[in-house]
Amino acid sequence: MKGAPLTRLKSILKEVVIMAESPLKIIEKLDLELFKNVESTQTLALADGVLPRKIKLLMAMALDAAHGTVEGTRSLTQQAMKAGATKEEVTETLRVAQYISGAGSVYTAAHAFKDLF
């Protein structure tokens, strides 16, 4: 029974999306029109459609991993999991990123996943 509370706590923490302040906060302050444009594009790209939001977030996560963006990879992984993605779906998506973009995407994801899994 010792491990049960710790396991439950880890489970709860995985469900909580802890996001730092948006990196676009400064853009919102400097150029509200540009910020709104980026926000609306994000909404259009990631909304449920023929492809569910979860799949779109996994695709975006793979792209961020391929581009070496640790914070973006972490954030998108958290969002995908909140949208219902499993750890297995996340890692399988990473396989595609590695196949297309190489091992760098795996190293980026390893840093991003450090506190998630």
PDB file of N, CA and C in Angstrom:
ATOM      1  N   MET A   1       0.805  -1.211   0.000  1.00  0.00           N
ATOM      2  CA  MET A   1       0.000   0.000   0.000  1.00  0.00           C
ATOM      3  C   MET A   1       0.843   1.268   0.000  1.00  0.00           C
ATOM      4  N   LYS A   2       2.142   1.142   0.346  1.00  0.00           N
ATOM      5  CA  LYS A   2       2.994   2.322   0.394  1.00  0.00           C
ATOM      6  C   LYS A   2       3.022   3.055  -0.940  1.00  0.00           C
ATOM      7  N   GLY A   3       3.147   2.304  -2.032  1.00  0.00           N
ATOM      8  CA  GLY A   3       3.273   2.913  -3.348  1.00  0.00           C
ATOM      9  C   GLY A   3       1.977   3.443  -3.921  1.00  0.00           C
ATOM     10  N   ALA A   4       0.841   3.014  -3.385  1.00  0.00           N
ATOM     11  CA  ALA A   4      -0.456   3.411  -3.946  1.00  0.00           C
ATOM     12  C   ALA A   4      -0.678   4.921  -3.941  1.00  0.00           C
ATOM     13  N   PRO A   5      -0.428   5.635  -2.826  1.00  0.00           N
ATOM     14  CA  PRO A   5      -0.636   7.085  -2.856  1.00  0.00           C
ATOM     15  C   PRO A   5       0.297   7.784  -3.842  1.00  0.00           C
ATOM     16  N   LEU A   6       1.535   7.306  -3.937  1.00  0.00           N
ATOM     17  CA  LEU A   6       2.485   7.911  -4.869  1.00  0.00           C
ATOM     18  C   LEU A   6       2.045   7.675  -6.308  1.00  0.00           C
ATOM     19  N   THR A   7       1.582   6.475  -6.598  1.00  0.00           N
ATOM     20  CA  THR A   7       1.090   6.159  -7.939  1.00  0.00           C
ATOM     21  C   THR A   7      -0.107   7.032  -8.282  1.00  0.00           C
ATOM     22  N   ARG A   8      -1.008   7.206  -7.339  1.00  0.00           N
ATOM     23  CA  ARG A   8      -2.190   8.051  -7.554  1.00  0.00           C
ATOM     24  C   ARG A   8      -1.780   9.495  -7.792  1.00  0.00           C
ATOM     25  N   LEU A   9      -0.809   9.985  -7.017  1.00  0.00           N
ATOM     26  CA  LEU A   9      -0.324  11.361  -7.180  1.00  0.00           C
ATOM     27  C   LEU A   9       0.279  11.547  -8.564  1.00  0.00           C
ATOM     28  N   LYS A  10       1.089  10.593  -9.014  1.00  0.00           N
ATOM     29  CA  LYS A  10       1.676  10.680 -10.357  1.00  0.00           C
ATOM     30  C   LYS A  10       0.582  10.720 -11.416  1.00  0.00           C
ATOM     31  N   SER A  11      -0.461   9.913 -11.219  1.00  0.00           N
ATOM     32  CA  SER A  11      -1.573   9.881 -12.156  1.00  0.00           C
ATOM     33  C   SER A  11      -2.273  11.239 -12.222  1.00  0.00           C
ATOM     34  N   ILE A  12      -2.500  11.829 -11.066  1.00  0.00           N
ATOM     35  CA  ILE A  12      -3.153  13.141 -11.010  1.00  0.00           C
ATOM     36  C   ILE A  12      -2.283  14.199 -11.673  1.00  0.00           C
ATOM     37  N   LEU A  13      -0.981  14.164 -11.388  1.00  0.00           N
ATOM     38  CA  LEU A  13      -0.073  15.161 -11.957  1.00  0.00           C
ATOM     39  C   LEU A  13       0.007  15.062 -13.472  1.00  0.00           C
ATOM     40  N   LYS A  14      -0.107  13.853 -14.013  1.00  0.00           N
ATOM     41  CA  LYS A  14      -0.088  13.687 -15.467  1.00  0.00           C
ATOM     42  C   LYS A  14      -1.307  14.323 -16.115  1.00  0.00           C
ATOM     43  N   GLU A  15      -2.408  14.413 -15.378  1.00  0.00           N
ATOM     44  CA  GLU A  15      -3.635  14.993 -15.916  1.00  0.00           C
ATOM     45  C   GLU A  15      -3.603  16.513 -15.886  1.00  0.00           C
ATOM     46  N   VAL A  16      -2.766  17.070 -15.036  1.00  0.00           N
ATOM     47  CA  VAL A  16      -2.700  18.514 -14.880  1.00  0.00           C
ATOM     48  C   VAL A  16      -1.726  19.074 -15.908  1.00  0.00           C
ATOM     49  N   VAL A  17      -2.180  20.022 -16.671  1.00  0.00           N
ATOM     50  CA  VAL A  17      -1.315  20.655 -17.646  1.00  0.00           C
ATOM     51  C   VAL A  17      -0.730  21.912 -17.006  1.00  0.00           C
ATOM     52  N   ILE A  18       0.568  21.842 -16.744  1.00  0.00           N
ATOM     53  CA  ILE A  18       1.245  22.979 -16.140  1.00  0.00           C
ATOM     54  C   ILE A  18       1.958  23.716 -17.264  1.00  0.00           C
ATOM     55  N   MET A  19       1.478  24.882 -17.568  1.00  0.00           N
ATOM     56  CA  MET A  19       2.066  25.638 -18.660  1.00  0.00           C
ATOM     57  C   MET A  19       2.648  26.933 -18.128  1.00  0.00           C
ATOM     58  N   ALA A  20       3.848  27.217 -18.584  1.00  0.00           N
ATOM     59  CA  ALA A  20       4.470  28.486 -18.240  1.00  0.00           C
ATOM     60  C   ALA A  20       3.723  29.589 -18.975  1.00  0.00           C
ATOM     61  N   GLU A  21       4.028  30.808 -18.632  1.00  0.00           N
ATOM     62  CA  GLU A  21       3.411  31.941 -19.324  1.00  0.00           C
ATOM     63  C   GLU A  21       3.661  31.803 -20.820  1.00  0.00           C
ATOM     64  N   SER A  22       2.678  32.140 -21.592  1.00  0.00           N
ATOM     65  CA  SER A  22       2.785  32.031 -23.048  1.00  0.00           C
ATOM     66  C   SER A  22       3.990  32.812 -23.551  1.00  0.00           C
ATOM     67  N   PRO A  23       4.796  32.183 -24.403  1.00  0.00           N
ATOM     68  CA  PRO A  23       5.928  32.908 -24.966  1.00  0.00           C
ATOM     69  C   PRO A  23       5.483  34.056 -25.878  1.00  0.00           C
ATOM     70  N   LEU A  24       4.216  34.044 -26.273  1.00  0.00           N
ATOM     71  CA  LEU A  24       3.698  35.101 -27.144  1.00  0.00           C
ATOM     72  C   LEU A  24       3.153  36.293 -26.371  1.00  0.00           C
ATOM     73  N   LYS A  25       3.265  36.264 -25.062  1.00  0.00           N
ATOM     74  CA  LYS A  25       2.764  37.374 -24.235  1.00  0.00           C
ATOM     75  C   LYS A  25       3.359  38.710 -24.693  1.00  0.00           C
ATOM     76  N   ILE A  26       4.637  38.705 -24.993  1.00  0.00           N
ATOM     77  CA  ILE A  26       5.292  39.945 -25.442  1.00  0.00           C
ATOM     78  C   ILE A  26       4.754  40.386 -26.802  1.00  0.00           C
ATOM     79  N   ILE A  27       4.429  39.450 -27.679  1.00  0.00           N
ATOM     80  CA  ILE A  27       3.859  39.792 -28.993  1.00  0.00           C
ATOM     81  C   ILE A  27       2.477  40.393 -28.804  1.00  0.00           C
ATOM     82  N   GLU A  28       1.708  39.825 -27.875  1.00  0.00           N
ATOM     83  CA  GLU A  28       0.382  40.369 -27.577  1.00  0.00           C
ATOM     84  C   GLU A  28       0.507  41.828 -27.136  1.00  0.00           C
ATOM     85  N   LYS A  29       1.503  42.115 -26.349  1.00  0.00           N
ATOM     86  CA  LYS A  29       1.725  43.489 -25.860  1.00  0.00           C
ATOM     87  C   LYS A  29       2.203  44.415 -26.980  1.00  0.00           C
ATOM     88  N   LEU A  30       3.089  43.907 -27.837  1.00  0.00           N
ATOM     89  CA  LEU A  30       3.685  44.746 -28.878  1.00  0.00           C
ATOM     90  C   LEU A  30       2.822  44.904 -30.124  1.00  0.00           C
ATOM     91  N   ASP A  31       2.109  43.823 -30.490  1.00  0.00           N
ATOM     92  CA  ASP A  31       1.342  43.842 -31.743  1.00  0.00           C
ATOM     93  C   ASP A  31       0.114  42.954 -31.582  1.00  0.00           C
ATOM     94  N   LEU A  32      -0.938  43.520 -31.035  1.00  0.00           N
ATOM     95  CA  LEU A  32      -2.156  42.770 -30.744  1.00  0.00           C
ATOM     96  C   LEU A  32      -2.747  42.143 -32.000  1.00  0.00           C
ATOM     97  N   GLU A  33      -2.673  42.827 -33.123  1.00  0.00           N
ATOM     98  CA  GLU A  33      -3.228  42.285 -34.371  1.00  0.00           C
ATOM     99  C   GLU A  33      -2.486  41.013 -34.789  1.00  0.00           C
ATOM    100  N   LEU A  34      -1.171  41.042 -34.707  1.00  0.00           N
ATOM    101  CA  LEU A  34      -0.381  39.855 -35.035  1.00  0.00           C
ATOM    102  C   LEU A  34      -0.706  38.713 -34.070  1.00  0.00           C
ATOM    103  N   PHE A  35      -0.790  39.025 -32.785  1.00  0.00           N
ATOM    104  CA  PHE A  35      -1.123  38.023 -31.776  1.00  0.00           C
ATOM    105  C   PHE A  35      -2.468  37.368 -32.082  1.00  0.00           C
ATOM    106  N   LYS A  36      -3.474  38.174 -32.386  1.00  0.00           N
ATOM    107  CA  LYS A  36      -4.803  37.642 -32.702  1.00  0.00           C
ATOM    108  C   LYS A  36      -4.758  36.757 -33.944  1.00  0.00           C
ATOM    109  N   ASN A  37      -3.938  37.145 -34.922  1.00  0.00           N
ATOM    110  CA  ASN A  37      -3.787  36.351 -36.137  1.00  0.00           C
ATOM    111  C   ASN A  37      -3.189  34.980 -35.816  1.00  0.00           C
ATOM    112  N   VAL A  38      -2.138  34.963 -34.995  1.00  0.00           N
ATOM    113  CA  VAL A  38      -1.510  33.704 -34.606  1.00  0.00           C
ATOM    114  C   VAL A  38      -2.502  32.842 -33.829  1.00  0.00           C
ATOM    115  N   GLU A  39      -3.224  33.457 -32.907  1.00  0.00           N
ATOM    116  CA  GLU A  39      -4.210  32.740 -32.099  1.00  0.00           C
ATOM    117  C   GLU A  39      -5.305  32.128 -32.976  1.00  0.00           C
ATOM    118  N   SER A  40      -5.792  32.885 -33.939  1.00  0.00           N
ATOM    119  CA  SER A  40      -6.867  32.390 -34.795  1.00  0.00           C
ATOM    120  C   SER A  40      -6.360  31.275 -35.713  1.00  0.00           C
ATOM    121  N   THR A  41      -5.119  31.384 -36.173  1.00  0.00           N
ATOM    122  CA  THR A  41      -4.534  30.321 -36.990  1.00  0.00           C
ATOM    123  C   THR A  41      -4.387  29.044 -36.173  1.00  0.00           C
ATOM    124  N   GLN A  42      -3.966  29.192 -34.923  1.00  0.00           N
ATOM    125  CA  GLN A  42      -3.835  28.034 -34.040  1.00  0.00           C
ATOM    126  C   GLN A  42      -5.192  27.356 -33.832  1.00  0.00           C
ATOM    127  N   THR A  43      -6.214  28.143 -33.606  1.00  0.00           N
ATOM    128  CA  THR A  43      -7.563  27.608 -33.414  1.00  0.00           C
ATOM    129  C   THR A  43      -8.020  26.856 -34.660  1.00  0.00           C
ATOM    130  N   LEU A  44      -7.810  27.458 -35.819  1.00  0.00           N
ATOM    131  CA  LEU A  44      -8.193  26.827 -37.079  1.00  0.00           C
ATOM    132  C   LEU A  44      -7.438  25.514 -37.288  1.00  0.00           C
ATOM    133  N   ALA A  45      -6.144  25.521 -37.037  1.00  0.00           N
ATOM    134  CA  ALA A  45      -5.308  24.347 -37.298  1.00  0.00           C
ATOM    135  C   ALA A  45      -5.585  23.197 -36.335  1.00  0.00           C
ATOM    136  N   LEU A  46      -5.874  23.498 -35.081  1.00  0.00           N
ATOM    137  CA  LEU A  46      -5.951  22.444 -34.065  1.00  0.00           C
ATOM    138  C   LEU A  46      -7.369  22.054 -33.642  1.00  0.00           C
ATOM    139  N   ALA A  47      -8.367  22.689 -34.212  1.00  0.00           N
ATOM    140  CA  ALA A  47      -9.752  22.362 -33.840  1.00  0.00           C
ATOM    141  C   ALA A  47     -10.133  20.981 -34.366  1.00  0.00           C
ATOM    142  N   ASP A  48     -11.056  20.328 -33.660  1.00  0.00           N
ATOM    143  CA  ASP A  48     -11.592  19.058 -34.147  1.00  0.00           C
ATOM    144  C   ASP A  48     -12.183  19.265 -35.528  1.00  0.00           C
ATOM    145  N   GLY A  49     -11.935  18.334 -36.395  1.00  0.00           N
ATOM    146  CA  GLY A  49     -12.475  18.360 -37.753  1.00  0.00           C
ATOM    147  C   GLY A  49     -12.498  16.924 -38.243  1.00  0.00           C
ATOM    148  N   VAL A  50     -12.150  16.711 -39.498  1.00  0.00           N
ATOM    149  CA  VAL A  50     -12.032  15.356 -40.012  1.00  0.00           C
ATOM    150  C   VAL A  50     -10.986  14.608 -39.173  1.00  0.00           C
ATOM    151  N   LEU A  51      -9.902  15.314 -38.845  1.00  0.00           N
ATOM    152  CA  LEU A  51      -8.919  14.771 -37.907  1.00  0.00           C
ATOM    153  C   LEU A  51      -9.246  15.288 -36.515  1.00  0.00           C
ATOM    154  N   PRO A  52      -9.272  14.408 -35.526  1.00  0.00           N
ATOM    155  CA  PRO A  52      -9.534  14.873 -34.163  1.00  0.00           C
ATOM    156  C   PRO A  52      -8.383  15.735 -33.632  1.00  0.00           C
ATOM    157  N   ARG A  53      -8.716  16.619 -32.714  1.00  0.00           N
ATOM    158  CA  ARG A  53      -7.730  17.521 -32.096  1.00  0.00           C
ATOM    159  C   ARG A  53      -6.528  16.744 -31.566  1.00  0.00           C
ATOM    160  N   LYS A  54      -6.764  15.603 -30.955  1.00  0.00           N
ATOM    161  CA  LYS A  54      -5.683  14.786 -30.393  1.00  0.00           C
ATOM    162  C   LYS A  54      -4.647  14.455 -31.472  1.00  0.00           C
ATOM    163  N   ILE A  55      -5.096  14.044 -32.643  1.00  0.00           N
ATOM    164  CA  ILE A  55      -4.188  13.674 -33.739  1.00  0.00           C
ATOM    165  C   ILE A  55      -3.426  14.905 -34.221  1.00  0.00           C
ATOM    166  N   LYS A  56      -4.115  16.023 -34.338  1.00  0.00           N
ATOM    167  CA  LYS A  56      -3.460  17.250 -34.777  1.00  0.00           C
ATOM    168  C   LYS A  56      -2.386  17.694 -33.787  1.00  0.00           C
ATOM    169  N   LEU A  57      -2.667  17.541 -32.491  1.00  0.00           N
ATOM    170  CA  LEU A  57      -1.682  17.895 -31.471  1.00  0.00           C
ATOM    171  C   LEU A  57      -0.483  16.955 -31.529  1.00  0.00           C
ATOM    172  N   LEU A  58      -0.716  15.679 -31.791  1.00  0.00           N
ATOM    173  CA  LEU A  58       0.398  14.741 -31.937  1.00  0.00           C
ATOM    174  C   LEU A  58       1.242  15.086 -33.164  1.00  0.00           C
ATOM    175  N   MET A  59       0.601  15.488 -34.246  1.00  0.00           N
ATOM    176  CA  MET A  59       1.335  15.915 -35.444  1.00  0.00           C
ATOM    177  C   MET A  59       2.189  17.144 -35.130  1.00  0.00           C
ATOM    178  N   ALA A  60       1.604  18.097 -34.440  1.00  0.00           N
ATOM    179  CA  ALA A  60       2.332  19.317 -34.079  1.00  0.00           C
ATOM    180  C   ALA A  60       3.492  18.992 -33.134  1.00  0.00           C
ATOM    181  N   MET A  61       3.270  18.060 -32.213  1.00  0.00           N
ATOM    182  CA  MET A  61       4.328  17.636 -31.304  1.00  0.00           C
ATOM    183  C   MET A  61       5.494  17.053 -32.089  1.00  0.00           C
ATOM    184  N   ALA A  62       5.194  16.216 -33.081  1.00  0.00           N
ATOM    185  CA  ALA A  62       6.245  15.618 -33.910  1.00  0.00           C
ATOM    186  C   ALA A  62       7.030  16.696 -34.661  1.00  0.00           C
ATOM    187  N   LEU A  63       6.319  17.689 -35.169  1.00  0.00           N
ATOM    188  CA  LEU A  63       6.992  18.780 -35.888  1.00  0.00           C
ATOM    189  C   LEU A  63       7.889  19.591 -34.953  1.00  0.00           C
ATOM    190  N   ASP A  64       7.400  19.898 -33.753  1.00  0.00           N
ATOM    191  CA  ASP A  64       8.230  20.639 -32.799  1.00  0.00           C
ATOM    192  C   ASP A  64       9.451  19.818 -32.393  1.00  0.00           C
ATOM    193  N   ALA A  65       9.267  18.518 -32.193  1.00  0.00           N
ATOM    194  CA  ALA A  65      10.411  17.656 -31.861  1.00  0.00           C
ATOM    195  C   ALA A  65      11.420  17.673 -33.009  1.00  0.00           C
ATOM    196  N   ALA A  66      10.927  17.608 -34.240  1.00  0.00           N
ATOM    197  CA  ALA A  66      11.805  17.629 -35.409  1.00  0.00           C
ATOM    198  C   ALA A  66      12.549  18.955 -35.547  1.00  0.00           C
ATOM    199  N   HIS A  67      11.922  20.038 -35.082  1.00  0.00           N
ATOM    200  CA  HIS A  67      12.554  21.360 -35.148  1.00  0.00           C
ATOM    201  C   HIS A  67      13.404  21.674 -33.920  1.00  0.00           C
ATOM    202  N   GLY A  68      13.460  20.749 -32.964  1.00  0.00           N
ATOM    203  CA  GLY A  68      14.305  20.941 -31.793  1.00  0.00           C
ATOM    204  C   GLY A  68      13.729  21.855 -30.736  1.00  0.00           C
ATOM    205  N   THR A  69      12.426  21.989 -30.687  1.00  0.00           N
ATOM    206  CA  THR A  69      11.765  22.890 -29.748  1.00  0.00           C
ATOM    207  C   THR A  69      11.274  22.123 -28.526  1.00  0.00           C
ATOM    208  N   VAL A  70      12.100  22.096 -27.474  1.00  0.00           N
ATOM    209  CA  VAL A  70      11.780  21.313 -26.278  1.00  0.00           C
ATOM    210  C   VAL A  70      10.498  21.799 -25.617  1.00  0.00           C
ATOM    211  N   GLU A  71      10.388  23.091 -25.363  1.00  0.00           N
ATOM    212  CA  GLU A  71       9.200  23.623 -24.675  1.00  0.00           C
ATOM    213  C   GLU A  71       7.929  23.377 -25.480  1.00  0.00           C
ATOM    214  N   GLY A  72       7.998  23.567 -26.783  1.00  0.00           N
ATOM    215  CA  GLY A  72       6.836  23.309 -27.632  1.00  0.00           C
ATOM    216  C   GLY A  72       6.466  21.841 -27.643  1.00  0.00           C
ATOM    217  N   THR A  73       7.471  20.979 -27.703  1.00  0.00           N
ATOM    218  CA  THR A  73       7.220  19.541 -27.676  1.00  0.00           C
ATOM    219  C   THR A  73       6.544  19.142 -26.373  1.00  0.00           C
ATOM    220  N   ARG A  74       7.028  19.683 -25.261  1.00  0.00           N
ATOM    221  CA  ARG A  74       6.435  19.372 -23.948  1.00  0.00           C
ATOM    222  C   ARG A  74       4.993  19.869 -23.886  1.00  0.00           C
ATOM    223  N   SER A  75       4.778  21.109 -24.285  1.00  0.00           N
ATOM    224  CA  SER A  75       3.440  21.697 -24.219  1.00  0.00           C
ATOM    225  C   SER A  75       2.449  20.939 -25.102  1.00  0.00           C
ATOM    226  N   LEU A  76       2.865  20.625 -26.307  1.00  0.00           N
ATOM    227  CA  LEU A  76       1.971  19.911 -27.219  1.00  0.00           C
ATOM    228  C   LEU A  76       1.707  18.482 -26.757  1.00  0.00           C
ATOM    229  N   THR A  77       2.707  17.856 -26.141  1.00  0.00           N
ATOM    230  CA  THR A  77       2.501  16.518 -25.578  1.00  0.00           C
ATOM    231  C   THR A  77       1.471  16.586 -24.461  1.00  0.00           C
ATOM    232  N   GLN A  78       1.605  17.565 -23.587  1.00  0.00           N
ATOM    233  CA  GLN A  78       0.638  17.737 -22.498  1.00  0.00           C
ATOM    234  C   GLN A  78      -0.764  17.974 -23.050  1.00  0.00           C
ATOM    235  N   GLN A  79      -0.871  18.831 -24.058  1.00  0.00           N
ATOM    236  CA  GLN A  79      -2.177  19.112 -24.645  1.00  0.00           C
ATOM    237  C   GLN A  79      -2.765  17.867 -25.311  1.00  0.00           C
ATOM    238  N   ALA A  80      -1.915  17.104 -26.001  1.00  0.00           N
ATOM    239  CA  ALA A  80      -2.386  15.879 -26.657  1.00  0.00           C
ATOM    240  C   ALA A  80      -2.883  14.877 -25.620  1.00  0.00           C
ATOM    241  N   MET A  81      -2.159  14.758 -24.514  1.00  0.00           N
ATOM    242  CA  MET A  81      -2.583  13.828 -23.467  1.00  0.00           C
ATOM    243  C   MET A  81      -3.884  14.302 -22.826  1.00  0.00           C
ATOM    244  N   LYS A  82      -4.012  15.597 -22.647  1.00  0.00           N
ATOM    245  CA  LYS A  82      -5.260  16.137 -22.107  1.00  0.00           C
ATOM    246  C   LYS A  82      -6.417  15.862 -23.074  1.00  0.00           C
ATOM    247  N   ALA A  83      -6.108  15.824 -24.381  1.00  0.00           N
ATOM    248  CA  ALA A  83      -7.124  15.534 -25.398  1.00  0.00           C
ATOM    249  C   ALA A  83      -7.359  14.031 -25.562  1.00  0.00           C
ATOM    250  N   GLY A  84      -6.647  13.218 -24.763  1.00  0.00           N
ATOM    251  CA  GLY A  84      -6.897  11.786 -24.781  1.00  0.00           C
ATOM    252  C   GLY A  84      -5.787  10.906 -25.324  1.00  0.00           C
ATOM    253  N   ALA A  85      -4.678  11.489 -25.745  1.00  0.00           N
ATOM    254  CA  ALA A  85      -3.580  10.683 -26.269  1.00  0.00           C
ATOM    255  C   ALA A  85      -2.941   9.856 -25.153  1.00  0.00           C
ATOM    256  N   THR A  86      -2.573   8.653 -25.483  1.00  0.00           N
ATOM    257  CA  THR A  86      -1.898   7.784 -24.529  1.00  0.00           C
ATOM    258  C   THR A  86      -0.383   7.939 -24.679  1.00  0.00           C
ATOM    259  N   LYS A  87       0.343   7.438 -23.699  1.00  0.00           N
ATOM    260  CA  LYS A  87       1.800   7.445 -23.766  1.00  0.00           C
ATOM    261  C   LYS A  87       2.262   6.684 -25.013  1.00  0.00           C
ATOM    262  N   GLU A  88       1.577   5.599 -25.334  1.00  0.00           N
ATOM    263  CA  GLU A  88       1.930   4.802 -26.500  1.00  0.00           C
ATOM    264  C   GLU A  88       1.718   5.580 -27.802  1.00  0.00           C
ATOM    265  N   GLU A  89       0.640   6.358 -27.873  1.00  0.00           N
ATOM    266  CA  GLU A  89       0.399   7.180 -29.071  1.00  0.00           C
ATOM    267  C   GLU A  89       1.461   8.265 -29.202  1.00  0.00           C
ATOM    268  N   VAL A  90       1.861   8.835 -28.085  1.00  0.00           N
ATOM    269  CA  VAL A  90       2.901   9.865 -28.098  1.00  0.00           C
ATOM    270  C   VAL A  90       4.211   9.276 -28.620  1.00  0.00           C
ATOM    271  N   THR A  91       4.608   8.133 -28.070  1.00  0.00           N
ATOM    272  CA  THR A  91       5.890   7.555 -28.482  1.00  0.00           C
ATOM    273  C   THR A  91       5.845   7.017 -29.914  1.00  0.00           C
ATOM    274  N   GLU A  92       4.690   6.523 -30.344  1.00  0.00           N
ATOM    275  CA  GLU A  92       4.585   6.067 -31.730  1.00  0.00           C
ATOM    276  C   GLU A  92       4.681   7.246 -32.701  1.00  0.00           C
ATOM    277  N   THR A  93       4.108   8.373 -32.319  1.00  0.00           N
ATOM    278  CA  THR A  93       4.220   9.585 -33.130  1.00  0.00           C
ATOM    279  C   THR A  93       5.677  10.017 -33.221  1.00  0.00           C
ATOM    280  N   LEU A  94       6.400   9.886 -32.121  1.00  0.00           N
ATOM    281  CA  LEU A  94       7.821  10.228 -32.113  1.00  0.00           C
ATOM    282  C   LEU A  94       8.609   9.354 -33.080  1.00  0.00           C
ATOM    283  N   ARG A  95       8.180   8.096 -33.244  1.00  0.00           N
ATOM    284  CA  ARG A  95       8.853   7.223 -34.217  1.00  0.00           C
ATOM    285  C   ARG A  95       8.769   7.800 -35.627  1.00  0.00           C
ATOM    286  N   VAL A  96       7.625   8.378 -35.956  1.00  0.00           N
ATOM    287  CA  VAL A  96       7.460   8.981 -37.287  1.00  0.00           C
ATOM    288  C   VAL A  96       8.381  10.200 -37.418  1.00  0.00           C
ATOM    289  N   ALA A  97       8.439  11.016 -36.370  1.00  0.00           N
ATOM    290  CA  ALA A  97       9.323  12.191 -36.398  1.00  0.00           C
ATOM    291  C   ALA A  97      10.777  11.755 -36.586  1.00  0.00           C
ATOM    292  N   GLN A  98      11.172  10.703 -35.907  1.00  0.00           N
ATOM    293  CA  GLN A  98      12.544  10.208 -36.029  1.00  0.00           C
ATOM    294  C   GLN A  98      12.801   9.670 -37.432  1.00  0.00           C
ATOM    295  N   TYR A  99      11.846   8.969 -37.983  1.00  0.00           N
ATOM    296  CA  TYR A  99      11.996   8.414 -39.331  1.00  0.00           C
ATOM    297  C   TYR A  99      12.180   9.530 -40.363  1.00  0.00           C
ATOM    298  N   ILE A 100      11.379  10.581 -40.257  1.00  0.00           N
ATOM    299  CA  ILE A 100      11.423  11.661 -41.239  1.00  0.00           C
ATOM    300  C   ILE A 100      12.562  12.638 -40.964  1.00  0.00           C
ATOM    301  N   SER A 101      12.793  12.971 -39.690  1.00  0.00           N
ATOM    302  CA  SER A 101      13.722  14.059 -39.369  1.00  0.00           C
ATOM    303  C   SER A 101      15.010  13.636 -38.680  1.00  0.00           C
ATOM    304  N   GLY A 102      15.092  12.399 -38.254  1.00  0.00           N
ATOM    305  CA  GLY A 102      16.330  11.923 -37.660  1.00  0.00           C
ATOM    306  C   GLY A 102      16.317  11.879 -36.147  1.00  0.00           C
ATOM    307  N   ALA A 103      17.448  11.474 -35.610  1.00  0.00           N
ATOM    308  CA  ALA A 103      17.588  11.225 -34.175  1.00  0.00           C
ATOM    309  C   ALA A 103      17.457  12.484 -33.330  1.00  0.00           C
ATOM    310  N   GLY A 104      17.709  13.649 -33.904  1.00  0.00           N
ATOM    311  CA  GLY A 104      17.581  14.892 -33.136  1.00  0.00           C
ATOM    312  C   GLY A 104      16.203  15.051 -32.536  1.00  0.00           C
ATOM    313  N   SER A 105      15.182  14.604 -33.239  1.00  0.00           N
ATOM    314  CA  SER A 105      13.816  14.716 -32.719  1.00  0.00           C
ATOM    315  C   SER A 105      13.635  13.845 -31.483  1.00  0.00           C
ATOM    316  N   VAL A 106      14.325  12.718 -31.422  1.00  0.00           N
ATOM    317  CA  VAL A 106      14.235  11.833 -30.261  1.00  0.00           C
ATOM    318  C   VAL A 106      14.901  12.493 -29.048  1.00  0.00           C
ATOM    319  N   TYR A 107      16.042  13.123 -29.266  1.00  0.00           N
ATOM    320  CA  TYR A 107      16.730  13.806 -28.167  1.00  0.00           C
ATOM    321  C   TYR A 107      15.912  14.988 -27.654  1.00  0.00           C
ATOM    322  N   THR A 108      15.311  15.744 -28.566  1.00  0.00           N
ATOM    323  CA  THR A 108      14.435  16.844 -28.164  1.00  0.00           C
ATOM    324  C   THR A 108      13.278  16.319 -27.326  1.00  0.00           C
ATOM    325  N   ALA A 109      12.636  15.266 -27.810  1.00  0.00           N
ATOM    326  CA  ALA A 109      11.500  14.691 -27.082  1.00  0.00           C
ATOM    327  C   ALA A 109      11.934  14.134 -25.729  1.00  0.00           C
ATOM    328  N   ALA A 110      13.112  13.550 -25.663  1.00  0.00           N
ATOM    329  CA  ALA A 110      13.600  13.010 -24.391  1.00  0.00           C
ATOM    330  C   ALA A 110      13.677  14.114 -23.341  1.00  0.00           C
ATOM    331  N   HIS A 111      14.161  15.276 -23.736  1.00  0.00           N
ATOM    332  CA  HIS A 111      14.202  16.416 -22.807  1.00  0.00           C
ATOM    333  C   HIS A 111      12.784  16.870 -22.452  1.00  0.00           C
ATOM    334  N   ALA A 112      11.905  16.906 -23.440  1.00  0.00           N
ATOM    335  CA  ALA A 112      10.535  17.366 -23.214  1.00  0.00           C
ATOM    336  C   ALA A 112       9.745  16.388 -22.335  1.00  0.00           C
ATOM    337  N   PHE A 113       9.997  15.095 -22.487  1.00  0.00           N
ATOM    338  CA  PHE A 113       9.245  14.082 -21.760  1.00  0.00           C
ATOM    339  C   PHE A 113       9.738  13.872 -20.330  1.00  0.00           C
ATOM    340  N   LYS A 114      10.903  14.430 -20.025  1.00  0.00           N
ATOM    341  CA  LYS A 114      11.562  14.157 -18.736  1.00  0.00           C
ATOM    342  C   LYS A 114      10.632  14.237 -17.537  1.00  0.00           C
ATOM    343  N   ASP A 115       9.826  15.248 -17.457  1.00  0.00           N
ATOM    344  CA  ASP A 115       8.941  15.421 -16.311  1.00  0.00           C
ATOM    345  C   ASP A 115       7.518  14.927 -16.555  1.00  0.00           C
ATOM    346  N   LEU A 116       7.273  14.362 -17.745  1.00  0.00           N
ATOM    347  CA  LEU A 116       5.910  13.942 -18.083  1.00  0.00           C
ATOM    348  C   LEU A 116       5.666  12.458 -17.860  1.00  0.00           C
ATOM    349  N   PHE A 117       6.678  11.648 -18.079  1.00  0.00           N
ATOM    350  CA  PHE A 117       6.491  10.193 -17.983  1.00  0.00           C
ATOM    351  C   PHE A 117       7.398   9.614 -16.926  1.00  0.00           C
TER     352      PHE A 117
END
